[in-house]
Amino acid sequence: MSVSSRRRHSRRHSGSSSRRRTQEERRSRTQARLLEATMECLVDLGWSRTSTTEVARRAGVSRGAQQHHYPTKMVLVAASLEHLLEAQRIAYETAFAILPPERRNVEGALDLLWEVFRGRPAKALMELAVAARTDEELRPLCRDLNERILQVILETFERLFPSTTLPDDFVPTMLRGIFAMFVGLSVQNALDDDADGHQAAVLAQVKSVARLIIPAPGVAGPGTGPDTGTGTGPQAAAPPPDDTA
């Protein structure tokens, strides 16, 4: 091959790679808009009123483009579910990582988890879980939804608190209980936005107990010495636990 031929081949190859990158970027952007619009529809309209036509309209793409990426409503919702779960995990870990040092503890983690449960992605997931009870087509997709969310919470907990001395079988059960409680609290919160402060009171109690079970780094747990807490809130001023307890 001559020098000029090699140059022409190189230009063609470079142009082809560039076009592929551009197409992939455009494809990813379109899919992201469709998945985001699906979440918005689930939150604003509910499962029964969510349609591919409305999703395409909100995403600002043509019906043809929507059908090209996600041919049916179930395919679209399945992709949206995966997207929501991963986005929740990344958002939670990122938010925890930028907390100030004094809040990078179990209380701060629970505050962030509560924010997650009140957010729109969590509301979209809850809408799917509730709708799946009576929708035969949706139910298989959502049958293990709670377990998958719990697995994300458990994996995140283990990364955030790798040095706990809790028994191995205690942590999953504890997190399952917290998850169930937060689901119930978030349902009520969606109705009244905690107008009477009851949900905040429950959360404060849960954090108080969690702080005893999982003390802040460098802080002794109950029965081993004073628990100085996080330095914030009323729990920080509480007296040390009774060594005889």
Protein backbone atom coordinates (compact mmCIF):
# COMPACT_ATOMS: atom_id res chain seq x y z
CA MET A 1 0.00 0.00 0.00
CA SER A 2 1.35 3.42 -0.97
CA VAL A 3 1.78 6.28 1.49
CA SER A 4 -1.17 8.15 0.01
CA SER A 5 -3.36 5.04 0.20
CA ARG A 6 -2.41 4.52 3.85
CA ARG A 7 -3.32 8.14 4.61
CA ARG A 8 -6.71 7.79 2.91
CA HIS A 9 -7.37 4.56 4.80
CA SER A 10 -6.35 6.22 8.09
CA ARG A 11 -8.70 9.16 7.45
CA ARG A 12 -11.58 6.82 6.61
CA HIS A 13 -10.93 4.73 9.74
CA SER A 14 -10.68 7.84 11.92
CA GLY A 15 -13.88 9.26 10.47
CA SER A 16 -15.71 5.98 10.99
CA SER A 17 -14.62 5.80 14.66
CA SER A 18 -15.68 9.37 15.21
CA ARG A 19 -19.10 8.70 13.71
CA ARG A 20 -19.54 5.62 15.90
CA ARG A 21 -18.65 7.64 19.02
CA THR A 22 -21.08 10.35 18.02
CA GLN A 23 -23.84 7.81 17.40
CA GLU A 24 -23.20 6.11 20.75
CA GLU A 25 -23.25 9.44 22.57
CA ARG A 26 -26.49 10.42 20.84
CA ARG A 27 -27.98 7.00 21.66
CA SER A 28 -26.99 7.32 25.33
CA ARG A 29 -28.45 10.82 25.58
CA THR A 30 -31.74 9.72 24.04
CA GLN A 31 -32.00 6.72 26.33
CA ALA A 32 -31.22 8.84 29.39
CA ARG A 33 -33.98 11.31 28.46
CA LEU A 34 -36.46 8.47 27.98
CA LEU A 35 -35.58 6.84 31.30
CA GLU A 36 -35.81 10.14 33.14
CA ALA A 37 -39.17 10.88 31.51
CA THR A 38 -40.42 7.42 32.53
CA MET A 39 -39.59 8.18 36.15
CA GLU A 40 -41.39 11.52 35.95
CA CYS A 41 -44.48 9.88 34.46
CA LEU A 42 -44.59 7.20 37.14
CA VAL A 43 -44.39 9.82 39.88
CA ASP A 44 -46.75 12.37 38.33
CA LEU A 45 -49.27 10.09 36.62
CA GLY A 46 -48.95 6.67 38.22
CA TRP A 47 -48.45 3.33 36.50
CA SER A 48 -51.85 3.08 34.81
CA ARG A 49 -51.60 6.51 33.14
CA THR A 50 -47.96 6.19 32.10
CA SER A 51 -47.73 5.58 28.36
CA THR A 52 -44.92 5.41 25.84
CA THR A 53 -46.54 8.31 23.99
CA GLU A 54 -46.37 10.53 27.07
CA VAL A 55 -42.84 9.40 27.87
CA ALA A 56 -41.69 10.28 24.36
CA ARG A 57 -43.39 13.68 24.61
CA ARG A 58 -41.74 14.50 27.92
CA ALA A 59 -38.37 13.26 26.69
CA GLY A 60 -38.63 15.42 23.59
CA VAL A 61 -38.04 12.53 21.19
CA SER A 62 -40.12 11.09 18.39
CA ARG A 63 -42.31 8.03 18.86
CA GLY A 64 -40.12 6.28 16.31
CA ALA A 65 -36.99 6.99 18.35
CA GLN A 66 -38.69 5.79 21.51
CA GLN A 67 -39.82 2.55 19.86
CA HIS A 68 -36.34 2.03 18.41
CA HIS A 69 -34.75 2.05 21.88
CA TYR A 70 -37.62 0.60 23.93
CA PRO A 71 -40.27 -1.09 21.77
CA THR A 72 -42.87 -1.59 24.50
CA LYS A 73 -43.94 -0.04 27.79
CA MET A 74 -42.67 -3.06 29.73
CA VAL A 75 -39.23 -2.93 28.09
CA LEU A 76 -39.07 0.79 28.83
CA VAL A 77 -40.09 0.35 32.47
CA ALA A 78 -37.66 -2.56 32.95
CA ALA A 79 -34.79 -0.38 31.73
CA SER A 80 -36.01 2.50 33.87
CA LEU A 81 -36.08 0.27 36.95
CA GLU A 82 -32.44 -0.74 36.44
CA HIS A 83 -31.49 2.87 35.85
CA LEU A 84 -33.26 4.02 39.02
CA LEU A 85 -31.62 1.40 41.23
CA GLU A 86 -28.12 2.23 40.02
CA ALA A 87 -28.72 5.98 40.17
CA GLN A 88 -29.97 5.64 43.76
CA ARG A 89 -26.87 3.75 44.82
CA ILE A 90 -24.45 6.20 43.22
CA ALA A 91 -26.31 9.25 44.55
CA TYR A 92 -26.35 7.85 48.08
CA GLU A 93 -22.65 6.95 48.17
CA THR A 94 -21.66 10.27 46.61
CA ALA A 95 -23.77 12.26 49.06
CA PHE A 96 -22.32 10.35 52.01
CA ALA A 97 -18.76 10.86 50.79
CA ILE A 98 -19.11 14.67 50.79
CA LEU A 99 -20.67 14.89 54.24
CA PRO A 100 -18.56 16.81 56.77
CA PRO A 101 -16.48 14.45 58.96
CA GLU A 102 -18.69 14.92 62.01
CA ARG A 103 -21.73 13.67 60.04
CA ARG A 104 -20.01 10.74 58.32
CA ASN A 105 -21.53 8.23 60.73
CA VAL A 106 -24.60 6.04 61.06
CA GLU A 107 -26.85 9.00 61.87
CA GLY A 108 -25.72 10.82 58.75
CA ALA A 109 -26.22 7.64 56.73
CA LEU A 110 -29.80 7.28 57.99
CA ASP A 111 -30.55 10.93 57.24
CA LEU A 112 -29.38 10.40 53.68
CA LEU A 113 -31.35 7.16 53.37
CA TRP A 114 -34.49 9.02 54.44
CA GLU A 115 -33.80 11.67 51.81
CA VAL A 116 -33.51 8.89 49.24
CA PHE A 117 -36.86 7.41 50.29
CA ARG A 118 -38.55 10.79 49.91
CA GLY A 119 -37.02 11.49 46.50
CA ARG A 120 -38.76 11.11 43.16
CA PRO A 121 -36.79 8.03 42.04
CA ALA A 122 -37.88 6.19 45.20
CA LYS A 123 -41.47 7.27 44.61
CA ALA A 124 -41.30 5.86 41.09
CA LEU A 125 -40.01 2.53 42.41
CA MET A 126 -42.74 2.46 45.05
CA GLU A 127 -45.37 3.14 42.40
CA LEU A 128 -44.16 0.10 40.46
CA ALA A 129 -44.10 -2.09 43.57
CA VAL A 130 -47.66 -1.15 44.53
CA ALA A 131 -49.01 -1.45 40.98
CA ALA A 132 -47.42 -4.89 40.56
CA ARG A 133 -49.75 -6.31 43.23
CA THR A 134 -52.69 -6.30 40.80
CA ASP A 135 -50.93 -6.17 37.41
CA GLU A 136 -50.11 -9.66 36.14
CA GLU A 137 -47.69 -8.39 33.50
CA LEU A 138 -45.81 -6.05 35.82
CA ARG A 139 -45.58 -8.43 38.78
CA PRO A 140 -42.75 -10.65 37.47
CA LEU A 141 -40.64 -7.57 36.83
CA CYS A 142 -41.13 -6.28 40.38
CA ARG A 143 -41.34 -9.52 42.34
CA ASP A 144 -37.78 -9.19 43.67
CA LEU A 145 -37.68 -5.38 43.67
CA ASN A 146 -37.59 -5.03 47.46
CA GLU A 147 -34.84 -7.63 47.76
CA ARG A 148 -32.77 -5.85 45.14
CA ILE A 149 -33.15 -2.52 46.91
CA LEU A 150 -32.21 -4.20 50.20
CA GLN A 151 -29.12 -5.69 48.56
CA VAL A 152 -28.03 -2.23 47.40
CA ILE A 153 -28.56 -0.86 50.92
CA LEU A 154 -26.62 -3.77 52.45
CA GLU A 155 -23.70 -3.45 50.03
CA THR A 156 -23.57 0.30 50.61
CA PHE A 157 -23.68 -0.18 54.40
CA GLU A 158 -20.80 -2.66 54.27
CA ARG A 159 -18.70 -0.23 52.24
CA LEU A 160 -19.49 2.70 54.49
CA PHE A 161 -19.04 0.80 57.77
CA PRO A 162 -16.53 -1.99 57.08
CA SER A 163 -15.19 -2.23 60.66
CA THR A 164 -18.31 -2.96 62.70
CA THR A 165 -18.20 -5.83 65.19
CA LEU A 166 -21.83 -6.74 64.61
CA PRO A 167 -22.67 -10.41 63.99
CA ASP A 168 -22.89 -11.26 60.31
CA ASP A 169 -26.53 -12.30 60.53
CA PHE A 170 -27.54 -9.20 62.50
CA VAL A 171 -26.86 -6.55 59.86
CA PRO A 172 -29.18 -7.87 57.10
CA THR A 173 -32.03 -8.32 59.58
CA MET A 174 -31.48 -4.85 61.05
CA LEU A 175 -31.41 -3.24 57.60
CA ARG A 176 -34.50 -5.18 56.54
CA GLY A 177 -36.37 -3.74 59.52
CA ILE A 178 -35.17 -0.21 58.76
CA PHE A 179 -36.13 -0.63 55.12
CA ALA A 180 -39.66 -1.78 56.00
CA MET A 181 -40.08 1.11 58.42
CA PHE A 182 -38.82 3.69 55.91
CA VAL A 183 -41.19 2.33 53.25
CA GLY A 184 -44.13 2.85 55.61
CA LEU A 185 -42.93 6.30 56.67
CA SER A 186 -42.37 7.37 53.06
CA VAL A 187 -45.93 6.34 52.10
CA GLN A 188 -47.31 8.57 54.84
CA ASN A 189 -44.85 11.33 53.98
CA ALA A 190 -46.09 11.30 50.37
CA LEU A 191 -49.57 12.06 51.72
CA ASP A 192 -48.93 14.66 54.43
CA ASP A 193 -45.27 15.79 54.05
CA ASP A 194 -44.91 15.14 57.79
CA ALA A 195 -47.15 18.07 58.70
CA ASP A 196 -47.31 16.98 62.35
CA GLY A 197 -43.66 15.96 62.70
CA HIS A 198 -44.42 12.32 63.54
CA GLN A 199 -42.06 10.91 60.92
CA ALA A 200 -39.23 13.15 62.09
CA ALA A 201 -39.80 11.95 65.66
CA VAL A 202 -39.62 8.31 64.60
CA LEU A 203 -36.45 8.96 62.63
CA ALA A 204 -34.84 10.67 65.65
CA GLN A 205 -35.57 7.63 67.80
CA VAL A 206 -34.17 5.27 65.19
CA LYS A 207 -30.97 7.30 64.97
CA SER A 208 -30.60 7.26 68.74
CA VAL A 209 -30.77 3.47 68.78
CA ALA A 210 -28.52 3.13 65.72
CA ARG A 211 -25.87 5.31 67.34
CA LEU A 212 -25.69 2.89 70.27
CA ILE A 213 -25.43 -0.13 67.98
CA ILE A 214 -22.90 1.43 65.59
CA PRO A 215 -20.92 4.16 67.41
CA ALA A 216 -19.01 6.81 65.53
CA PRO A 217 -15.43 5.84 64.62
CA GLY A 218 -13.23 6.05 67.70
CA VAL A 219 -16.21 6.15 70.05
CA ALA A 220 -16.77 3.29 72.47
CA GLY A 221 -20.06 1.48 72.36
CA PRO A 222 -22.44 0.84 75.26
CA GLY A 223 -20.85 -0.86 78.24
CA THR A 224 -17.28 -0.11 77.11
CA GLY A 225 -16.98 3.57 77.91
CA PRO A 226 -18.53 6.99 77.24
CA ASP A 227 -20.35 7.51 73.99
CA THR A 228 -19.71 11.06 72.87
CA GLY A 229 -21.93 10.79 69.78
CA THR A 230 -21.52 13.04 66.80
CA GLY A 231 -21.27 16.40 68.50
CA THR A 232 -24.61 17.51 67.11
CA GLY A 233 -28.22 17.20 68.22
CA PRO A 234 -29.67 16.36 71.60
CA GLN A 235 -28.14 12.89 71.67
CA ALA A 236 -24.66 14.37 71.86
CA ALA A 237 -25.39 15.74 75.31
CA ALA A 238 -26.77 12.46 76.68
CA PRO A 239 -24.94 10.95 79.67
CA PRO A 240 -22.73 7.90 79.13
CA PRO A 241 -24.61 4.61 79.24
CA ASP A 242 -24.61 2.69 82.52
CA ASP A 243 -21.64 0.32 82.55
CA THR A 244 -23.74 -2.24 84.35
CA ALA A 245 -26.35 -2.35 81.56
